[in-house]
Amino acid sequence: GWPGYKDEDGDGFPDNFLPEIVLASGSN
């Protein structure tokens, strides 16, 4: 499902960089 990042102030950056649901990412 979609992660919980939101940009309510419209500055181009997520307002919260650690929502409950985040991207499952890694490096090879």
mmCIF file of all heavy atoms, coordinates in Angstrom:
data_MODEL
# 
_entry.id   MODEL 
# 
loop_
_atom_site.group_PDB 
_atom_site.id 
_atom_site.type_symbol 
_atom_site.label_atom_id 
_atom_site.label_alt_id 
_atom_site.label_comp_id 
_atom_site.label_asym_id 
_atom_site.label_entity_id 
_atom_site.label_seq_id 
_atom_site.pdbx_PDB_ins_code 
_atom_site.Cartn_x 
_atom_site.Cartn_y 
_atom_site.Cartn_z 
_atom_site.occupancy 
_atom_site.B_iso_or_equiv 
_atom_site.pdbx_formal_charge 
_atom_site.auth_seq_id 
_atom_site.auth_comp_id 
_atom_site.auth_asym_id 
_atom_site.auth_atom_id 
_atom_site.pdbx_PDB_model_num 
ATOM 1   N N   . GLY A 1 1  ? 0.816  -1.209 0.000  1.00 0.00 ? 1  GLY A N   1 
ATOM 2   C CA  . GLY A 1 1  ? 0.000  0.000  0.000  1.00 0.00 ? 1  GLY A CA  1 
ATOM 3   C C   . GLY A 1 1  ? 0.849  1.258  0.000  1.00 0.00 ? 1  GLY A C   1 
ATOM 4   O O   . GLY A 1 1  ? 2.049  1.245  0.295  1.00 0.00 ? 1  GLY A O   1 
ATOM 5   N N   . TRP A 1 2  ? 0.220  2.374  -0.312 1.00 0.00 ? 2  TRP A N   1 
ATOM 6   C CA  . TRP A 1 2  ? 0.947  3.642  -0.410 1.00 0.00 ? 2  TRP A CA  1 
ATOM 7   C C   . TRP A 1 2  ? 1.520  4.046  0.952  1.00 0.00 ? 2  TRP A C   1 
ATOM 8   O O   . TRP A 1 2  ? 0.863  3.895  1.978  1.00 0.00 ? 2  TRP A O   1 
ATOM 9   C CB  . TRP A 1 2  ? 0.022  4.743  -0.914 1.00 0.00 ? 2  TRP A CB  1 
ATOM 10  C CG  . TRP A 1 2  ? -0.318 4.581  -2.363 1.00 0.00 ? 2  TRP A CG  1 
ATOM 11  C CD1 . TRP A 1 2  ? -1.385 3.910  -2.873 1.00 0.00 ? 2  TRP A CD1 1 
ATOM 12  C CD2 . TRP A 1 2  ? 0.432  5.066  -3.474 1.00 0.00 ? 2  TRP A CD2 1 
ATOM 13  N NE1 . TRP A 1 2  ? -1.362 3.948  -4.244 1.00 0.00 ? 2  TRP A NE1 1 
ATOM 14  C CE2 . TRP A 1 2  ? -0.254 4.653  -4.640 1.00 0.00 ? 2  TRP A CE2 1 
ATOM 15  C CE3 . TRP A 1 2  ? 1.604  5.801  -3.605 1.00 0.00 ? 2  TRP A CE3 1 
ATOM 16  C CZ2 . TRP A 1 2  ? 0.200  4.969  -5.923 1.00 0.00 ? 2  TRP A CZ2 1 
ATOM 17  C CZ3 . TRP A 1 2  ? 2.059  6.117  -4.876 1.00 0.00 ? 2  TRP A CZ3 1 
ATOM 18  C CH2 . TRP A 1 2  ? 1.367  5.701  -6.010 1.00 0.00 ? 2  TRP A CH2 1 
ATOM 19  N N   . PRO A 1 3  ? 2.744  4.561  0.950  1.00 0.00 ? 3  PRO A N   1 
ATOM 20  C CA  . PRO A 1 3  ? 3.316  5.067  2.210  1.00 0.00 ? 3  PRO A CA  1 
ATOM 21  C C   . PRO A 1 3  ? 2.594  6.326  2.646  1.00 0.00 ? 3  PRO A C   1 
ATOM 22  O O   . PRO A 1 3  ? 1.831  6.934  1.878  1.00 0.00 ? 3  PRO A O   1 
ATOM 23  C CB  . PRO A 1 3  ? 4.773  5.342  1.845  1.00 0.00 ? 3  PRO A CB  1 
ATOM 24  C CG  . PRO A 1 3  ? 4.751  5.598  0.372  1.00 0.00 ? 3  PRO A CG  1 
ATOM 25  C CD  . PRO A 1 3  ? 3.669  4.723  -0.188 1.00 0.00 ? 3  PRO A CD  1 
ATOM 26  N N   . GLY A 1 4  ? 2.837  6.745  3.885  1.00 0.00 ? 4  GLY A N   1 
ATOM 27  C CA  . GLY A 1 4  ? 2.064  7.838  4.477  1.00 0.00 ? 4  GLY A CA  1 
ATOM 28  C C   . GLY A 1 4  ? 2.677  9.221  4.341  1.00 0.00 ? 4  GLY A C   1 
ATOM 29  O O   . GLY A 1 4  ? 2.327  10.114 5.115  1.00 0.00 ? 4  GLY A O   1 
ATOM 30  N N   . TYR A 1 5  ? 3.566  9.437  3.382  1.00 0.00 ? 5  TYR A N   1 
ATOM 31  C CA  . TYR A 1 5  ? 4.171  10.759 3.221  1.00 0.00 ? 5  TYR A CA  1 
ATOM 32  C C   . TYR A 1 5  ? 3.138  11.758 2.700  1.00 0.00 ? 5  TYR A C   1 
ATOM 33  O O   . TYR A 1 5  ? 2.370  11.463 1.787  1.00 0.00 ? 5  TYR A O   1 
ATOM 34  C CB  . TYR A 1 5  ? 5.344  10.692 2.245  1.00 0.00 ? 5  TYR A CB  1 
ATOM 35  C CG  . TYR A 1 5  ? 6.390  9.676  2.619  1.00 0.00 ? 5  TYR A CG  1 
ATOM 36  C CD1 . TYR A 1 5  ? 6.484  8.462  1.928  1.00 0.00 ? 5  TYR A CD1 1 
ATOM 37  C CD2 . TYR A 1 5  ? 7.280  9.916  3.658  1.00 0.00 ? 5  TYR A CD2 1 
ATOM 38  C CE1 . TYR A 1 5  ? 7.440  7.523  2.270  1.00 0.00 ? 5  TYR A CE1 1 
ATOM 39  C CE2 . TYR A 1 5  ? 8.245  8.979  4.003  1.00 0.00 ? 5  TYR A CE2 1 
ATOM 40  C CZ  . TYR A 1 5  ? 8.317  7.787  3.306  1.00 0.00 ? 5  TYR A CZ  1 
ATOM 41  O OH  . TYR A 1 5  ? 9.268  6.851  3.643  1.00 0.00 ? 5  TYR A OH  1 
ATOM 42  N N   . LYS A 1 6  ? 3.152  12.966 3.272  1.00 0.00 ? 6  LYS A N   1 
ATOM 43  C CA  . LYS A 1 6  ? 2.242  14.021 2.836  1.00 0.00 ? 6  LYS A CA  1 
ATOM 44  C C   . LYS A 1 6  ? 2.994  15.342 2.791  1.00 0.00 ? 6  LYS A C   1 
ATOM 45  O O   . LYS A 1 6  ? 3.930  15.565 3.562  1.00 0.00 ? 6  LYS A O   1 
ATOM 46  C CB  . LYS A 1 6  ? 1.043  14.137 3.784  1.00 0.00 ? 6  LYS A CB  1 
ATOM 47  C CG  . LYS A 1 6  ? 0.071  12.967 3.716  1.00 0.00 ? 6  LYS A CG  1 
ATOM 48  C CD  . LYS A 1 6  ? -1.105 13.158 4.662  1.00 0.00 ? 6  LYS A CD  1 
ATOM 49  C CE  . LYS A 1 6  ? -2.168 12.095 4.455  1.00 0.00 ? 6  LYS A CE  1 
ATOM 50  N NZ  . LYS A 1 6  ? -1.640 10.716 4.587  1.00 0.00 ? 6  LYS A NZ  1 
ATOM 51  N N   . ASP A 1 7  ? 2.575  16.193 1.876  1.00 0.00 ? 7  ASP A N   1 
ATOM 52  C CA  . ASP A 1 7  ? 3.160  17.530 1.749  1.00 0.00 ? 7  ASP A CA  1 
ATOM 53  C C   . ASP A 1 7  ? 2.030  18.550 1.830  1.00 0.00 ? 7  ASP A C   1 
ATOM 54  O O   . ASP A 1 7  ? 1.593  19.108 0.829  1.00 0.00 ? 7  ASP A O   1 
ATOM 55  C CB  . ASP A 1 7  ? 3.915  17.657 0.419  1.00 0.00 ? 7  ASP A CB  1 
ATOM 56  C CG  . ASP A 1 7  ? 4.491  19.052 0.195  1.00 0.00 ? 7  ASP A CG  1 
ATOM 57  O OD1 . ASP A 1 7  ? 4.673  19.778 1.189  1.00 0.00 ? 7  ASP A OD1 1 
ATOM 58  O OD2 . ASP A 1 7  ? 4.751  19.415 -0.974 1.00 0.00 ? 7  ASP A OD2 1 
ATOM 59  N N   . GLU A 1 8  ? 1.563  18.787 3.052  1.00 0.00 ? 8  GLU A N   1 
ATOM 60  C CA  . GLU A 1 8  ? 0.428  19.682 3.238  1.00 0.00 ? 8  GLU A CA  1 
ATOM 61  C C   . GLU A 1 8  ? 0.797  21.144 3.028  1.00 0.00 ? 8  GLU A C   1 
ATOM 62  O O   . GLU A 1 8  ? -0.029 21.955 2.603  1.00 0.00 ? 8  GLU A O   1 
ATOM 63  C CB  . GLU A 1 8  ? -0.155 19.503 4.643  1.00 0.00 ? 8  GLU A CB  1 
ATOM 64  C CG  . GLU A 1 8  ? -0.679 18.095 4.930  1.00 0.00 ? 8  GLU A CG  1 
ATOM 65  C CD  . GLU A 1 8  ? -1.846 17.706 4.032  1.00 0.00 ? 8  GLU A CD  1 
ATOM 66  O OE1 . GLU A 1 8  ? -2.434 18.599 3.393  1.00 0.00 ? 8  GLU A OE1 1 
ATOM 67  O OE2 . GLU A 1 8  ? -2.164 16.499 3.969  1.00 0.00 ? 8  GLU A OE2 1 
ATOM 68  N N   . ASP A 1 9  ? 2.060  21.526 3.316  1.00 0.00 ? 9  ASP A N   1 
ATOM 69  C CA  . ASP A 1 9  ? 2.439  22.937 3.167  1.00 0.00 ? 9  ASP A CA  1 
ATOM 70  C C   . ASP A 1 9  ? 2.901  23.276 1.754  1.00 0.00 ? 9  ASP A C   1 
ATOM 71  O O   . ASP A 1 9  ? 3.186  24.431 1.442  1.00 0.00 ? 9  ASP A O   1 
ATOM 72  C CB  . ASP A 1 9  ? 3.524  23.323 4.182  1.00 0.00 ? 9  ASP A CB  1 
ATOM 73  C CG  . ASP A 1 9  ? 4.798  22.501 4.039  1.00 0.00 ? 9  ASP A CG  1 
ATOM 74  O OD1 . ASP A 1 9  ? 4.900  21.709 3.078  1.00 0.00 ? 9  ASP A OD1 1 
ATOM 75  O OD2 . ASP A 1 9  ? 5.687  22.658 4.900  1.00 0.00 ? 9  ASP A OD2 1 
ATOM 76  N N   . GLY A 1 10 ? 2.990  22.274 0.863  1.00 0.00 ? 10 GLY A N   1 
ATOM 77  C CA  . GLY A 1 10 ? 3.280  22.528 -0.536 1.00 0.00 ? 10 GLY A CA  1 
ATOM 78  C C   . GLY A 1 10 ? 4.691  22.988 -0.837 1.00 0.00 ? 10 GLY A C   1 
ATOM 79  O O   . GLY A 1 10 ? 4.936  23.585 -1.892 1.00 0.00 ? 10 GLY A O   1 
ATOM 80  N N   . ASP A 1 11 ? 5.655  22.675 0.036  1.00 0.00 ? 11 ASP A N   1 
ATOM 81  C CA  . ASP A 1 11 ? 7.025  23.114 -0.223 1.00 0.00 ? 11 ASP A CA  1 
ATOM 82  C C   . ASP A 1 11 ? 7.824  22.104 -1.035 1.00 0.00 ? 11 ASP A C   1 
ATOM 83  O O   . ASP A 1 11 ? 9.006  22.309 -1.317 1.00 0.00 ? 11 ASP A O   1 
ATOM 84  C CB  . ASP A 1 11 ? 7.758  23.407 1.090  1.00 0.00 ? 11 ASP A CB  1 
ATOM 85  C CG  . ASP A 1 11 ? 7.960  22.161 1.959  1.00 0.00 ? 11 ASP A CG  1 
ATOM 86  O OD1 . ASP A 1 11 ? 7.392  21.095 1.632  1.00 0.00 ? 11 ASP A OD1 1 
ATOM 87  O OD2 . ASP A 1 11 ? 8.681  22.276 2.972  1.00 0.00 ? 11 ASP A OD2 1 
ATOM 88  N N   . GLY A 1 12 ? 7.186  20.997 -1.423 1.00 0.00 ? 12 GLY A N   1 
ATOM 89  C CA  . GLY A 1 12 ? 7.857  19.988 -2.224 1.00 0.00 ? 12 GLY A CA  1 
ATOM 90  C C   . GLY A 1 12 ? 8.470  18.873 -1.421 1.00 0.00 ? 12 GLY A C   1 
ATOM 91  O O   . GLY A 1 12 ? 8.921  17.871 -1.995 1.00 0.00 ? 12 GLY A O   1 
ATOM 92  N N   . PHE A 1 13 ? 8.505  19.004 -0.093 1.00 0.00 ? 13 PHE A N   1 
ATOM 93  C CA  . PHE A 1 13 ? 9.099  18.008 0.788  1.00 0.00 ? 13 PHE A CA  1 
ATOM 94  C C   . PHE A 1 13 ? 8.009  17.351 1.638  1.00 0.00 ? 13 PHE A C   1 
ATOM 95  O O   . PHE A 1 13 ? 7.040  18.006 2.026  1.00 0.00 ? 13 PHE A O   1 
ATOM 96  C CB  . PHE A 1 13 ? 10.126 18.644 1.722  1.00 0.00 ? 13 PHE A CB  1 
ATOM 97  C CG  . PHE A 1 13 ? 11.327 19.209 1.028  1.00 0.00 ? 13 PHE A CG  1 
ATOM 98  C CD1 . PHE A 1 13 ? 11.329 20.521 0.576  1.00 0.00 ? 13 PHE A CD1 1 
ATOM 99  C CD2 . PHE A 1 13 ? 12.464 18.439 0.828  1.00 0.00 ? 13 PHE A CD2 1 
ATOM 100 C CE1 . PHE A 1 13 ? 12.434 21.059 -0.060 1.00 0.00 ? 13 PHE A CE1 1 
ATOM 101 C CE2 . PHE A 1 13 ? 13.577 18.961 0.197  1.00 0.00 ? 13 PHE A CE2 1 
ATOM 102 C CZ  . PHE A 1 13 ? 13.564 20.270 -0.253 1.00 0.00 ? 13 PHE A CZ  1 
ATOM 103 N N   . PRO A 1 14 ? 8.165  16.072 1.973  1.00 0.00 ? 14 PRO A N   1 
ATOM 104 C CA  . PRO A 1 14 ? 7.227  15.462 2.918  1.00 0.00 ? 14 PRO A CA  1 
ATOM 105 C C   . PRO A 1 14 ? 7.272  16.199 4.256  1.00 0.00 ? 14 PRO A C   1 
ATOM 106 O O   . PRO A 1 14 ? 8.342  16.606 4.720  1.00 0.00 ? 14 PRO A O   1 
ATOM 107 C CB  . PRO A 1 14 ? 7.758  14.033 3.061  1.00 0.00 ? 14 PRO A CB  1 
ATOM 108 C CG  . PRO A 1 14 ? 8.586  13.789 1.854  1.00 0.00 ? 14 PRO A CG  1 
ATOM 109 C CD  . PRO A 1 14 ? 9.179  15.111 1.492  1.00 0.00 ? 14 PRO A CD  1 
ATOM 110 N N   . ASP A 1 15 ? 6.115  16.376 4.858  1.00 0.00 ? 15 ASP A N   1 
ATOM 111 C CA  . ASP A 1 15 ? 6.067  17.020 6.174  1.00 0.00 ? 15 ASP A CA  1 
ATOM 112 C C   . ASP A 1 15 ? 6.588  16.084 7.255  1.00 0.00 ? 15 ASP A C   1 
ATOM 113 O O   . ASP A 1 15 ? 7.105  16.542 8.279  1.00 0.00 ? 15 ASP A O   1 
ATOM 114 C CB  . ASP A 1 15 ? 4.626  17.424 6.499  1.00 0.00 ? 15 ASP A CB  1 
ATOM 115 C CG  . ASP A 1 15 ? 4.044  18.360 5.448  1.00 0.00 ? 15 ASP A CG  1 
ATOM 116 O OD1 . ASP A 1 15 ? 4.798  19.189 4.906  1.00 0.00 ? 15 ASP A OD1 1 
ATOM 117 O OD2 . ASP A 1 15 ? 2.839  18.235 5.161  1.00 0.00 ? 15 ASP A OD2 1 
ATOM 118 N N   . ASN A 1 16 ? 6.440  14.791 7.040  1.00 0.00 ? 16 ASN A N   1 
ATOM 119 C CA  . ASN A 1 16 ? 6.876  13.797 8.010  1.00 0.00 ? 16 ASN A CA  1 
ATOM 120 C C   . ASN A 1 16 ? 7.671  12.727 7.275  1.00 0.00 ? 16 ASN A C   1 
ATOM 121 O O   . ASN A 1 16 ? 7.152  12.054 6.384  1.00 0.00 ? 16 ASN A O   1 
ATOM 122 C CB  . ASN A 1 16 ? 5.667  13.162 8.706  1.00 0.00 ? 16 ASN A CB  1 
ATOM 123 C CG  . ASN A 1 16 ? 6.065  12.094 9.710  1.00 0.00 ? 16 ASN A CG  1 
ATOM 124 O OD1 . ASN A 1 16 ? 7.240  11.906 10.001 1.00 0.00 ? 16 ASN A OD1 1 
ATOM 125 N ND2 . ASN A 1 16 ? 5.075  11.378 10.232 1.00 0.00 ? 16 ASN A ND2 1 
ATOM 126 N N   . PHE A 1 17 ? 8.952  12.596 7.620  1.00 0.00 ? 17 PHE A N   1 
ATOM 127 C CA  . PHE A 1 17 ? 9.788  11.613 6.951  1.00 0.00 ? 17 PHE A CA  1 
ATOM 128 C C   . PHE A 1 17 ? 9.704  10.229 7.580  1.00 0.00 ? 17 PHE A C   1 
ATOM 129 O O   . PHE A 1 17 ? 10.377 9.309  7.132  1.00 0.00 ? 17 PHE A O   1 
ATOM 130 C CB  . PHE A 1 17 ? 11.246 12.087 6.925  1.00 0.00 ? 17 PHE A CB  1 
ATOM 131 C CG  . PHE A 1 17 ? 11.574 12.960 5.745  1.00 0.00 ? 17 PHE A CG  1 
ATOM 132 C CD1 . PHE A 1 17 ? 11.261 14.310 5.749  1.00 0.00 ? 17 PHE A CD1 1 
ATOM 133 C CD2 . PHE A 1 17 ? 12.183 12.429 4.623  1.00 0.00 ? 17 PHE A CD2 1 
ATOM 134 C CE1 . PHE A 1 17 ? 11.556 15.112 4.660  1.00 0.00 ? 17 PHE A CE1 1 
ATOM 135 C CE2 . PHE A 1 17 ? 12.479 13.219 3.526  1.00 0.00 ? 17 PHE A CE2 1 
ATOM 136 C CZ  . PHE A 1 17 ? 12.166 14.570 3.541  1.00 0.00 ? 17 PHE A CZ  1 
ATOM 137 N N   . LEU A 1 18 ? 8.885  10.058 8.608  1.00 0.00 ? 18 LEU A N   1 
ATOM 138 C CA  . LEU A 1 18 ? 8.731  8.738  9.217  1.00 0.00 ? 18 LEU A CA  1 
ATOM 139 C C   . LEU A 1 18 ? 7.264  8.484  9.558  1.00 0.00 ? 18 LEU A C   1 
ATOM 140 O O   . LEU A 1 18 ? 6.879  8.401  10.723 1.00 0.00 ? 18 LEU A O   1 
ATOM 141 C CB  . LEU A 1 18 ? 9.609  8.604  10.468 1.00 0.00 ? 18 LEU A CB  1 
ATOM 142 C CG  . LEU A 1 18 ? 9.751  7.160  10.993 1.00 0.00 ? 18 LEU A CG  1 
ATOM 143 C CD1 . LEU A 1 18 ? 10.487 6.280  9.982  1.00 0.00 ? 18 LEU A CD1 1 
ATOM 144 C CD2 . LEU A 1 18 ? 10.472 7.157  12.326 1.00 0.00 ? 18 LEU A CD2 1 
ATOM 145 N N   . PRO A 1 19 ? 6.428  8.318  8.537  1.00 0.00 ? 19 PRO A N   1 
ATOM 146 C CA  . PRO A 1 19 ? 5.058  7.892  8.816  1.00 0.00 ? 19 PRO A CA  1 
ATOM 147 C C   . PRO A 1 19 ? 5.042  6.417  9.216  1.00 0.00 ? 19 PRO A C   1 
ATOM 148 O O   . PRO A 1 19 ? 6.074  5.731  9.192  1.00 0.00 ? 19 PRO A O   1 
ATOM 149 C CB  . PRO A 1 19 ? 4.356  8.107  7.474  1.00 0.00 ? 19 PRO A CB  1 
ATOM 150 C CG  . PRO A 1 19 ? 5.449  7.942  6.462  1.00 0.00 ? 19 PRO A CG  1 
ATOM 151 C CD  . PRO A 1 19 ? 6.683  8.500  7.103  1.00 0.00 ? 19 PRO A CD  1 
ATOM 152 N N   . GLU A 1 20 ? 3.883  5.920  9.586  1.00 0.00 ? 20 GLU A N   1 
ATOM 153 C CA  . GLU A 1 20 ? 3.801  4.520  10.001 1.00 0.00 ? 20 GLU A CA  1 
ATOM 154 C C   . GLU A 1 20 ? 4.186  3.586  8.858  1.00 0.00 ? 20 GLU A C   1 
ATOM 155 O O   . GLU A 1 20 ? 4.938  2.627  9.045  1.00 0.00 ? 20 GLU A O   1 
ATOM 156 C CB  . GLU A 1 20 ? 2.385  4.194  10.483 1.00 0.00 ? 20 GLU A CB  1 
ATOM 157 C CG  . GLU A 1 20 ? 2.223  2.745  10.937 1.00 0.00 ? 20 GLU A CG  1 
ATOM 158 C CD  . GLU A 1 20 ? 0.828  2.449  11.439 1.00 0.00 ? 20 GLU A CD  1 
ATOM 159 O OE1 . GLU A 1 20 ? -0.025 3.368  11.425 1.00 0.00 ? 20 GLU A OE1 1 
ATOM 160 O OE2 . GLU A 1 20 ? 0.570  1.297  11.851 1.00 0.00 ? 20 GLU A OE2 1 
ATOM 161 N N   . ILE A 1 21 ? 3.674  3.862  7.667  1.00 0.00 ? 21 ILE A N   1 
ATOM 162 C CA  . ILE A 1 21 ? 3.987  3.052  6.495  1.00 0.00 ? 21 ILE A CA  1 
ATOM 163 C C   . ILE A 1 21 ? 5.022  3.802  5.664  1.00 0.00 ? 21 ILE A C   1 
ATOM 164 O O   . ILE A 1 21 ? 4.793  4.931  5.233  1.00 0.00 ? 21 ILE A O   1 
ATOM 165 C CB  . ILE A 1 21 ? 2.743  2.779  5.635  1.00 0.00 ? 21 ILE A CB  1 
ATOM 166 C CG1 . ILE A 1 21 ? 1.623  2.187  6.504  1.00 0.00 ? 21 ILE A CG1 1 
ATOM 167 C CG2 . ILE A 1 21 ? 3.091  1.851  4.474  1.00 0.00 ? 21 ILE A CG2 1 
ATOM 168 C CD1 . ILE A 1 21 ? 1.974  0.872  7.140  1.00 0.00 ? 21 ILE A CD1 1 
ATOM 169 N N   . VAL A 1 22 ? 6.178  3.176  5.445  1.00 0.00 ? 22 VAL A N   1 
ATOM 170 C CA  . VAL A 1 22 ? 7.258  3.788  4.680  1.00 0.00 ? 22 VAL A CA  1 
ATOM 171 C C   . VAL A 1 22 ? 7.614  2.880  3.515  1.00 0.00 ? 22 VAL A C   1 
ATOM 172 O O   . VAL A 1 22 ? 7.079  1.775  3.362  1.00 0.00 ? 22 VAL A O   1 
ATOM 173 C CB  . VAL A 1 22 ? 8.499  4.045  5.565  1.00 0.00 ? 22 VAL A CB  1 
ATOM 174 C CG1 . VAL A 1 22 ? 8.168  5.000  6.703  1.00 0.00 ? 22 VAL A CG1 1 
ATOM 175 C CG2 . VAL A 1 22 ? 9.052  2.734  6.124  1.00 0.00 ? 22 VAL A CG2 1 
ATOM 176 N N   . LEU A 1 23 ? 8.529  3.338  2.699  1.00 0.00 ? 23 LEU A N   1 
ATOM 177 C CA  . LEU A 1 23 ? 8.986  2.550  1.562  1.00 0.00 ? 23 LEU A CA  1 
ATOM 178 C C   . LEU A 1 23 ? 9.882  1.410  2.049  1.00 0.00 ? 23 LEU A C   1 
ATOM 179 O O   . LEU A 1 23 ? 10.813 1.629  2.821  1.00 0.00 ? 23 LEU A O   1 
ATOM 180 C CB  . LEU A 1 23 ? 9.759  3.428  0.585  1.00 0.00 ? 23 LEU A CB  1 
ATOM 181 C CG  . LEU A 1 23 ? 8.970  4.564  -0.069 1.00 0.00 ? 23 LEU A CG  1 
ATOM 182 C CD1 . LEU A 1 23 ? 9.905  5.467  -0.862 1.00 0.00 ? 23 LEU A CD1 1 
ATOM 183 C CD2 . LEU A 1 23 ? 7.883  4.000  -0.973 1.00 0.00 ? 23 LEU A CD2 1 
ATOM 184 N N   . ALA A 1 24 ? 9.604  0.206  1.591  1.00 0.00 ? 24 ALA A N   1 
ATOM 185 C CA  . ALA A 1 24 ? 10.497 -0.927 1.852  1.00 0.00 ? 24 ALA A CA  1 
ATOM 186 C C   . ALA A 1 24 ? 11.598 -0.869 0.802  1.00 0.00 ? 24 ALA A C   1 
ATOM 187 O O   . ALA A 1 24 ? 11.385 -1.202 -0.367 1.00 0.00 ? 24 ALA A O   1 
ATOM 188 C CB  . ALA A 1 24 ? 9.742  -2.242 1.770  1.00 0.00 ? 24 ALA A CB  1 
ATOM 189 N N   . SER A 1 25 ? 12.760 -0.398 1.211  1.00 0.00 ? 25 SER A N   1 
ATOM 190 C CA  . SER A 1 25 ? 13.843 -0.169 0.263  1.00 0.00 ? 25 SER A CA  1 
ATOM 191 C C   . SER A 1 25 ? 15.108 -0.834 0.762  1.00 0.00 ? 25 SER A C   1 
ATOM 192 O O   . SER A 1 25 ? 15.248 -1.180 1.929  1.00 0.00 ? 25 SER A O   1 
ATOM 193 C CB  . SER A 1 25 ? 14.072 1.329  0.077  1.00 0.00 ? 25 SER A CB  1 
ATOM 194 O OG  . SER A 1 25 ? 14.344 1.955  1.318  1.00 0.00 ? 25 SER A OG  1 
ATOM 195 N N   . GLY A 1 26 ? 16.037 -1.000 -0.141 1.00 0.00 ? 26 GLY A N   1 
ATOM 196 C CA  . GLY A 1 26 ? 17.318 -1.587 0.205  1.00 0.00 ? 26 GLY A CA  1 
ATOM 197 C C   . GLY A 1 26 ? 18.283 -1.425 -0.942 1.00 0.00 ? 26 GLY A C   1 
ATOM 198 O O   . GLY A 1 26 ? 17.957 -0.847 -1.983 1.00 0.00 ? 26 GLY A O   1 
ATOM 199 N N   . SER A 1 27 ? 19.482 -1.917 -0.735 1.00 0.00 ? 27 SER A N   1 
ATOM 200 C CA  . SER A 1 27 ? 20.519 -1.839 -1.756 1.00 0.00 ? 27 SER A CA  1 
ATOM 201 C C   . SER A 1 27 ? 20.995 -3.246 -2.078 1.00 0.00 ? 27 SER A C   1 
ATOM 202 O O   . SER A 1 27 ? 20.964 -4.132 -1.225 1.00 0.00 ? 27 SER A O   1 
ATOM 203 C CB  . SER A 1 27 ? 21.696 -0.989 -1.260 1.00 0.00 ? 27 SER A CB  1 
ATOM 204 O OG  . SER A 1 27 ? 22.692 -0.882 -2.249 1.00 0.00 ? 27 SER A OG  1 
ATOM 205 N N   . ASN A 1 28 ? 21.443 -3.444 -3.302 1.00 0.00 ? 28 ASN A N   1 
ATOM 206 C CA  . ASN A 1 28 ? 21.862 -4.793 -3.689 1.00 0.00 ? 28 ASN A CA  1 
ATOM 207 C C   . ASN A 1 28 ? 23.285 -5.116 -3.269 1.00 0.00 ? 28 ASN A C   1 
ATOM 208 O O   . ASN A 1 28 ? 23.808 -6.180 -3.594 1.00 0.00 ? 28 ASN A O   1 
ATOM 209 C CB  . ASN A 1 28 ? 21.690 -5.017 -5.197 1.00 0.00 ? 28 ASN A CB  1 
ATOM 210 C CG  . ASN A 1 28 ? 22.624 -4.152 -6.037 1.00 0.00 ? 28 ASN A CG  1 
ATOM 211 O OD1 . ASN A 1 28 ? 23.545 -3.511 -5.534 1.00 0.00 ? 28 ASN A OD1 1 
ATOM 212 N ND2 . ASN A 1 28 ? 22.379 -4.127 -7.337 1.00 0.00 ? 28 ASN A ND2 1 
# 
